[in-house]
Amino acid sequence: QFTLTDINFQRVPIVDTSNPFIARWIP
C-alpha cells in the first residue's frame, strides 16, 4: 500500500533498537 500513497511519514530512531523485544522504552 505504501507504494500507492501520496505521502509517507516514516519515523526513524537514532538510538539503538537492534533488539526491539527487550527495549524498555519507546524512542
PDB file of all heavy atoms in Angstrom:
ATOM      1  N   GLN A   1       0.814  -1.214   0.000  1.00  0.00           N
ATOM      2  CA  GLN A   1       0.000   0.000   0.000  1.00  0.00           C
ATOM      3  C   GLN A   1       0.851   1.269   0.000  1.00  0.00           C
ATOM      4  O   GLN A   1       0.427   2.306  -0.523  1.00  0.00           O
ATOM      5  CB  GLN A   1      -0.918   0.018   1.219  1.00  0.00           C
ATOM      6  CG  GLN A   1      -1.931  -1.120   1.248  1.00  0.00           C
ATOM      7  CD  GLN A   1      -2.847  -1.032   2.443  1.00  0.00           C
ATOM      8  OE1 GLN A   1      -3.721  -0.170   2.515  1.00  0.00           O
ATOM      9  NE2 GLN A   1      -2.643  -1.921   3.419  1.00  0.00           N
ATOM     10  N   PHE A   2       2.064   1.175   0.546  1.00  0.00           N
ATOM     11  CA  PHE A   2       2.872   2.377   0.704  1.00  0.00           C
ATOM     12  C   PHE A   2       3.529   2.829  -0.599  1.00  0.00           C
ATOM     13  O   PHE A   2       4.123   3.903  -0.645  1.00  0.00           O
ATOM     14  CB  PHE A   2       3.915   2.164   1.810  1.00  0.00           C
ATOM     15  CG  PHE A   2       3.295   1.817   3.133  1.00  0.00           C
ATOM     16  CD1 PHE A   2       3.660   0.664   3.808  1.00  0.00           C
ATOM     17  CD2 PHE A   2       2.327   2.634   3.688  1.00  0.00           C
ATOM     18  CE1 PHE A   2       3.070   0.321   5.016  1.00  0.00           C
ATOM     19  CE2 PHE A   2       1.728   2.310   4.901  1.00  0.00           C
ATOM     20  CZ  PHE A   2       2.106   1.151   5.565  1.00  0.00           C
ATOM     21  N   THR A   3       3.404   2.012  -1.640  1.00  0.00           N
ATOM     22  CA  THR A   3       3.812   2.486  -2.967  1.00  0.00           C
ATOM     23  C   THR A   3       2.678   3.253  -3.646  1.00  0.00           C
ATOM     24  O   THR A   3       2.900   3.887  -4.678  1.00  0.00           O
ATOM     25  CB  THR A   3       4.230   1.303  -3.868  1.00  0.00           C
ATOM     26  OG1 THR A   3       3.105   0.446  -4.080  1.00  0.00           O
ATOM     27  CG2 THR A   3       5.362   0.520  -3.230  1.00  0.00           C
ATOM     28  N   LEU A   4       1.471   3.196  -3.082  1.00  0.00           N
ATOM     29  CA  LEU A   4       0.299   3.837  -3.666  1.00  0.00           C
ATOM     30  C   LEU A   4      -0.078   5.133  -2.949  1.00  0.00           C
ATOM     31  O   LEU A   4      -0.953   5.859  -3.428  1.00  0.00           O
ATOM     32  CB  LEU A   4      -0.902   2.878  -3.636  1.00  0.00           C
ATOM     33  CG  LEU A   4      -0.693   1.524  -4.320  1.00  0.00           C
ATOM     34  CD1 LEU A   4      -1.895   0.623  -4.089  1.00  0.00           C
ATOM     35  CD2 LEU A   4      -0.435   1.708  -5.808  1.00  0.00           C
ATOM     36  N   THR A   5       0.565   5.409  -1.837  1.00  0.00           N
ATOM     37  CA  THR A   5       0.235   6.602  -1.063  1.00  0.00           C
ATOM     38  C   THR A   5       0.808   7.853  -1.721  1.00  0.00           C
ATOM     39  O   THR A   5       1.796   7.800  -2.458  1.00  0.00           O
ATOM     40  CB  THR A   5       0.776   6.484   0.365  1.00  0.00           C
ATOM     41  OG1 THR A   5       2.152   6.055   0.307  1.00  0.00           O
ATOM     42  CG2 THR A   5      -0.011   5.483   1.175  1.00  0.00           C
ATOM     43  N   ASP A   6       0.186   9.002  -1.426  1.00  0.00           N
ATOM     44  CA  ASP A   6       0.694  10.278  -1.918  1.00  0.00           C
ATOM     45  C   ASP A   6       1.880  10.763  -1.083  1.00  0.00           C
ATOM     46  O   ASP A   6       2.831  11.340  -1.614  1.00  0.00           O
ATOM     47  CB  ASP A   6      -0.418  11.331  -1.887  1.00  0.00           C
ATOM     48  CG  ASP A   6      -1.594  10.935  -2.760  1.00  0.00           C
ATOM     49  OD1 ASP A   6      -1.366  10.668  -3.954  1.00  0.00           O
ATOM     50  OD2 ASP A   6      -2.729  10.882  -2.248  1.00  0.00           O
ATOM     51  N   ILE A   7       1.807  10.538   0.230  1.00  0.00           N
ATOM     52  CA  ILE A   7       2.871  10.954   1.145  1.00  0.00           C
ATOM     53  C   ILE A   7       3.069   9.858   2.181  1.00  0.00           C
ATOM     54  O   ILE A   7       2.091   9.308   2.702  1.00  0.00           O
ATOM     55  CB  ILE A   7       2.516  12.274   1.877  1.00  0.00           C
ATOM     56  CG1 ILE A   7       2.102  13.366   0.894  1.00  0.00           C
ATOM     57  CG2 ILE A   7       3.692  12.753   2.729  1.00  0.00           C
ATOM     58  CD1 ILE A   7       1.563  14.626   1.565  1.00  0.00           C
ATOM     59  N   ASN A   8       4.323   9.517   2.462  1.00  0.00           N
ATOM     60  CA  ASN A   8       4.648   8.613   3.561  1.00  0.00           C
ATOM     61  C   ASN A   8       5.407   9.372   4.642  1.00  0.00           C
ATOM     62  O   ASN A   8       6.337  10.131   4.332  1.00  0.00           O
ATOM     63  CB  ASN A   8       5.500   7.432   3.084  1.00  0.00           C
ATOM     64  CG  ASN A   8       4.691   6.402   2.324  1.00  0.00           C
ATOM     65  OD1 ASN A   8       3.488   6.268   2.500  1.00  0.00           O
ATOM     66  ND2 ASN A   8       5.362   5.653   1.460  1.00  0.00           N
ATOM     67  N   PHE A   9       5.005   9.135   5.885  1.00  0.00           N
ATOM     68  CA  PHE A   9       5.717   9.666   7.038  1.00  0.00           C
ATOM     69  C   PHE A   9       6.370   8.481   7.750  1.00  0.00           C
ATOM     70  O   PHE A   9       5.678   7.608   8.279  1.00  0.00           O
ATOM     71  CB  PHE A   9       4.759  10.380   7.997  1.00  0.00           C
ATOM     72  CG  PHE A   9       4.190  11.660   7.439  1.00  0.00           C
ATOM     73  CD1 PHE A   9       3.047  11.654   6.660  1.00  0.00           C
ATOM     74  CD2 PHE A   9       4.800  12.881   7.713  1.00  0.00           C
ATOM     75  CE1 PHE A   9       2.520  12.825   6.146  1.00  0.00           C
ATOM     76  CE2 PHE A   9       4.276  14.067   7.207  1.00  0.00           C
ATOM     77  CZ  PHE A   9       3.133  14.035   6.421  1.00  0.00           C
ATOM     78  N   GLN A  10       7.702   8.453   7.725  1.00  0.00           N
ATOM     79  CA  GLN A  10       8.431   7.320   8.306  1.00  0.00           C
ATOM     80  C   GLN A  10       9.336   7.815   9.427  1.00  0.00           C
ATOM     81  O   GLN A  10      10.287   8.569   9.187  1.00  0.00           O
ATOM     82  CB  GLN A  10       9.256   6.590   7.248  1.00  0.00           C
ATOM     83  CG  GLN A  10       9.944   5.339   7.797  1.00  0.00           C
ATOM     84  CD  GLN A  10      10.592   4.523   6.708  1.00  0.00           C
ATOM     85  OE1 GLN A  10      11.323   5.047   5.887  1.00  0.00           O
ATOM     86  NE2 GLN A  10      10.334   3.219   6.696  1.00  0.00           N
ATOM     87  N   ARG A  11       9.031   7.367  10.673  1.00  0.00           N
ATOM     88  CA  ARG A  11       9.867   7.764  11.809  1.00  0.00           C
ATOM     89  C   ARG A  11      11.034   6.785  11.947  1.00  0.00           C
ATOM     90  O   ARG A  11      10.834   5.560  11.939  1.00  0.00           O
ATOM     91  CB  ARG A  11       9.049   7.807  13.100  1.00  0.00           C
ATOM     92  CG  ARG A  11       9.823   8.438  14.267  1.00  0.00           C
ATOM     93  CD  ARG A  11       8.887   9.039  15.289  1.00  0.00           C
ATOM     94  NE  ARG A  11       8.250   8.065  16.142  1.00  0.00           N
ATOM     95  CZ  ARG A  11       8.712   7.704  17.341  1.00  0.00           C
ATOM     96  NH1 ARG A  11       9.845   8.228  17.816  1.00  0.00           N
ATOM     97  NH2 ARG A  11       8.061   6.829  18.074  1.00  0.00           N
ATOM     98  N   VAL A  12      12.233   7.334  12.072  1.00  0.00           N
ATOM     99  CA  VAL A  12      13.458   6.537  12.142  1.00  0.00           C
ATOM    100  C   VAL A  12      14.175   6.865  13.447  1.00  0.00           C
ATOM    101  O   VAL A  12      14.594   8.007  13.659  1.00  0.00           O
ATOM    102  CB  VAL A  12      14.385   6.851  10.947  1.00  0.00           C
ATOM    103  CG1 VAL A  12      15.635   5.994  11.008  1.00  0.00           C
ATOM    104  CG2 VAL A  12      13.654   6.651   9.626  1.00  0.00           C
ATOM    105  N   PRO A  13      14.329   5.906  14.364  1.00  0.00           N
ATOM    106  CA  PRO A  13      15.029   6.196  15.614  1.00  0.00           C
ATOM    107  C   PRO A  13      16.522   6.396  15.379  1.00  0.00           C
ATOM    108  O   PRO A  13      17.104   5.781  14.480  1.00  0.00           O
ATOM    109  CB  PRO A  13      14.765   4.948  16.472  1.00  0.00           C
ATOM    110  CG  PRO A  13      14.485   3.866  15.492  1.00  0.00           C
ATOM    111  CD  PRO A  13      13.830   4.525  14.311  1.00  0.00           C
ATOM    112  N   ILE A  14      17.124   7.250  16.161  1.00  0.00           N
ATOM    113  CA  ILE A  14      18.572   7.461  16.095  1.00  0.00           C
ATOM    114  C   ILE A  14      19.240   6.950  17.363  1.00  0.00           C
ATOM    115  O   ILE A  14      20.324   7.395  17.743  1.00  0.00           O
ATOM    116  CB  ILE A  14      18.904   8.942  15.835  1.00  0.00           C
ATOM    117  CG1 ILE A  14      18.222   9.845  16.846  1.00  0.00           C
ATOM    118  CG2 ILE A  14      18.491   9.328  14.418  1.00  0.00           C
ATOM    119  CD1 ILE A  14      18.614  11.308  16.728  1.00  0.00           C
ATOM    120  N   VAL A  15      18.572   5.991  18.028  1.00  0.00           N
ATOM    121  CA  VAL A  15      19.146   5.252  19.152  1.00  0.00           C
ATOM    122  C   VAL A  15      19.076   3.770  18.803  1.00  0.00           C
ATOM    123  O   VAL A  15      18.409   3.377  17.833  1.00  0.00           O
ATOM    124  CB  VAL A  15      18.395   5.539  20.470  1.00  0.00           C
ATOM    125  CG1 VAL A  15      18.584   6.991  20.883  1.00  0.00           C
ATOM    126  CG2 VAL A  15      16.912   5.215  20.342  1.00  0.00           C
ATOM    127  N   ASP A  16      19.744   2.953  19.579  1.00  0.00           N
ATOM    128  CA  ASP A  16      19.820   1.521  19.286  1.00  0.00           C
ATOM    129  C   ASP A  16      18.472   0.844  19.512  1.00  0.00           C
ATOM    130  O   ASP A  16      17.957   0.811  20.625  1.00  0.00           O
ATOM    131  CB  ASP A  16      20.885   0.884  20.186  1.00  0.00           C
ATOM    132  CG  ASP A  16      21.066  -0.601  19.893  1.00  0.00           C
ATOM    133  OD1 ASP A  16      20.626  -1.042  18.822  1.00  0.00           O
ATOM    134  OD2 ASP A  16      21.650  -1.301  20.740  1.00  0.00           O
ATOM    135  N   THR A  17      17.914   0.288  18.449  1.00  0.00           N
ATOM    136  CA  THR A  17      16.679  -0.508  18.551  1.00  0.00           C
ATOM    137  C   THR A  17      16.909  -1.899  17.965  1.00  0.00           C
ATOM    138  O   THR A  17      15.978  -2.519  17.449  1.00  0.00           O
ATOM    139  CB  THR A  17      15.524   0.184  17.799  1.00  0.00           C
ATOM    140  OG1 THR A  17      15.882   0.330  16.419  1.00  0.00           O
ATOM    141  CG2 THR A  17      15.210   1.543  18.395  1.00  0.00           C
ATOM    142  N   SER A  18      18.141  -2.371  18.033  1.00  0.00           N
ATOM    143  CA  SER A  18      18.502  -3.615  17.344  1.00  0.00           C
ATOM    144  C   SER A  18      17.752  -4.826  17.877  1.00  0.00           C
ATOM    145  O   SER A  18      17.519  -5.782  17.136  1.00  0.00           O
ATOM    146  CB  SER A  18      20.015  -3.844  17.437  1.00  0.00           C
ATOM    147  OG  SER A  18      20.450  -3.767  18.776  1.00  0.00           O
ATOM    148  N   ASN A  19      17.388  -4.820  19.162  1.00  0.00           N
ATOM    149  CA  ASN A  19      16.552  -5.889  19.705  1.00  0.00           C
ATOM    150  C   ASN A  19      15.280  -5.264  20.270  1.00  0.00           C
ATOM    151  O   ASN A  19      15.230  -4.877  21.431  1.00  0.00           O
ATOM    152  CB  ASN A  19      17.283  -6.675  20.789  1.00  0.00           C
ATOM    153  CG  ASN A  19      16.469  -7.888  21.256  1.00  0.00           C
ATOM    154  OD1 ASN A  19      15.284  -8.006  20.943  1.00  0.00           O
ATOM    155  ND2 ASN A  19      17.114  -8.778  21.997  1.00  0.00           N
ATOM    156  N   PRO A  20      14.235  -5.155  19.450  1.00  0.00           N
ATOM    157  CA  PRO A  20      13.028  -4.456  19.899  1.00  0.00           C
ATOM    158  C   PRO A  20      12.291  -5.174  21.022  1.00  0.00           C
ATOM    159  O   PRO A  20      11.483  -4.557  21.718  1.00  0.00           O
ATOM    160  CB  PRO A  20      12.170  -4.398  18.632  1.00  0.00           C
ATOM    161  CG  PRO A  20      12.639  -5.542  17.802  1.00  0.00           C
ATOM    162  CD  PRO A  20      14.106  -5.662  18.079  1.00  0.00           C
ATOM    163  N   PHE A  21      12.600  -6.448  21.220  1.00  0.00           N
ATOM    164  CA  PHE A  21      11.844  -7.226  22.194  1.00  0.00           C
ATOM    165  C   PHE A  21      12.345  -7.054  23.625  1.00  0.00           C
ATOM    166  O   PHE A  21      11.724  -7.554  24.563  1.00  0.00           O
ATOM    167  CB  PHE A  21      11.855  -8.705  21.794  1.00  0.00           C
ATOM    168  CG  PHE A  21      11.310  -8.920  20.402  1.00  0.00           C
ATOM    169  CD1 PHE A  21      12.154  -9.265  19.364  1.00  0.00           C
ATOM    170  CD2 PHE A  21       9.965  -8.739  20.137  1.00  0.00           C
ATOM    171  CE1 PHE A  21      11.661  -9.446  18.083  1.00  0.00           C
ATOM    172  CE2 PHE A  21       9.471  -8.911  18.852  1.00  0.00           C
ATOM    173  CZ  PHE A  21      10.309  -9.271  17.824  1.00  0.00           C
ATOM    174  N   ILE A  22      13.454  -6.357  23.783  1.00  0.00           N
ATOM    175  CA  ILE A  22      13.927  -6.075  25.136  1.00  0.00           C
ATOM    176  C   ILE A  22      13.978  -4.578  25.417  1.00  0.00           C
ATOM    177  O   ILE A  22      14.434  -4.164  26.485  1.00  0.00           O
ATOM    178  CB  ILE A  22      15.325  -6.690  25.384  1.00  0.00           C
ATOM    179  CG1 ILE A  22      16.372  -6.039  24.469  1.00  0.00           C
ATOM    180  CG2 ILE A  22      15.299  -8.208  25.210  1.00  0.00           C
ATOM    181  CD1 ILE A  22      17.807  -6.381  24.852  1.00  0.00           C
ATOM    182  N   ALA A  23      13.507  -3.769  24.485  1.00  0.00           N
ATOM    183  CA  ALA A  23      13.561  -2.311  24.658  1.00  0.00           C
ATOM    184  C   ALA A  23      12.674  -1.898  25.826  1.00  0.00           C
ATOM    185  O   ALA A  23      11.490  -2.249  25.886  1.00  0.00           O
ATOM    186  CB  ALA A  23      13.115  -1.618  23.378  1.00  0.00           C
ATOM    187  N   ARG A  24      13.239  -1.142  26.753  1.00  0.00           N
ATOM    188  CA  ARG A  24      12.489  -0.744  27.939  1.00  0.00           C
ATOM    189  C   ARG A  24      11.618   0.480  27.663  1.00  0.00           C
ATOM    190  O   ARG A  24      10.626   0.703  28.351  1.00  0.00           O
ATOM    191  CB  ARG A  24      13.449  -0.454  29.090  1.00  0.00           C
ATOM    192  CG  ARG A  24      14.248  -1.671  29.528  1.00  0.00           C
ATOM    193  CD  ARG A  24      15.235  -1.339  30.628  1.00  0.00           C
ATOM    194  NE  ARG A  24      14.566  -0.846  31.840  1.00  0.00           N
ATOM    195  CZ  ARG A  24      15.229  -0.388  32.903  1.00  0.00           C
ATOM    196  NH1 ARG A  24      16.560  -0.321  32.877  1.00  0.00           N
ATOM    197  NH2 ARG A  24      14.559   0.021  33.962  1.00  0.00           N
ATOM    198  N   TRP A  25      12.012   1.291  26.672  1.00  0.00           N
ATOM    199  CA  TRP A  25      11.256   2.496  26.364  1.00  0.00           C
ATOM    200  C   TRP A  25      11.100   2.623  24.852  1.00  0.00           C
ATOM    201  O   TRP A  25      11.943   2.162  24.078  1.00  0.00           O
ATOM    202  CB  TRP A  25      11.982   3.744  26.883  1.00  0.00           C
ATOM    203  CG  TRP A  25      12.183   3.750  28.365  1.00  0.00           C
ATOM    204  CD1 TRP A  25      11.244   4.019  29.328  1.00  0.00           C
ATOM    205  CD2 TRP A  25      13.397   3.458  29.069  1.00  0.00           C
ATOM    206  NE1 TRP A  25      11.797   3.914  30.584  1.00  0.00           N
ATOM    207  CE2 TRP A  25      13.116   3.569  30.461  1.00  0.00           C
ATOM    208  CE3 TRP A  25      14.691   3.098  28.666  1.00  0.00           C
ATOM    209  CZ2 TRP A  25      14.077   3.354  31.440  1.00  0.00           C
ATOM    210  CZ3 TRP A  25      15.646   2.874  29.626  1.00  0.00           C
ATOM    211  CH2 TRP A  25      15.344   3.004  30.988  1.00  0.00           C
ATOM    212  N   ILE A  26      10.037   3.285  24.464  1.00  0.00           N
ATOM    213  CA  ILE A  26       9.870   3.667  23.056  1.00  0.00           C
ATOM    214  C   ILE A  26      10.763   4.874  22.792  1.00  0.00           C
ATOM    215  O   ILE A  26      10.741   5.842  23.565  1.00  0.00           O
ATOM    216  CB  ILE A  26       8.408   4.039  22.767  1.00  0.00           C
ATOM    217  CG1 ILE A  26       7.484   2.849  23.038  1.00  0.00           C
ATOM    218  CG2 ILE A  26       8.252   4.506  21.319  1.00  0.00           C
ATOM    219  CD1 ILE A  26       6.007   3.190  22.927  1.00  0.00           C
ATOM    220  N   PRO A  27      11.578   4.862  21.745  1.00  0.00           N
ATOM    221  CA  PRO A  27      12.367   6.054  21.422  1.00  0.00           C
ATOM    222  C   PRO A  27      11.479   7.288  21.326  1.00  0.00           C
ATOM    223  O   PRO A  27      10.401   7.250  20.715  1.00  0.00           O
ATOM    224  CB  PRO A  27      12.998   5.703  20.067  1.00  0.00           C
ATOM    225  CG  PRO A  27      13.074   4.212  20.071  1.00  0.00           C
ATOM    226  CD  PRO A  27      11.858   3.751  20.806  1.00  0.00           C
TER     227      PRO A  27
END
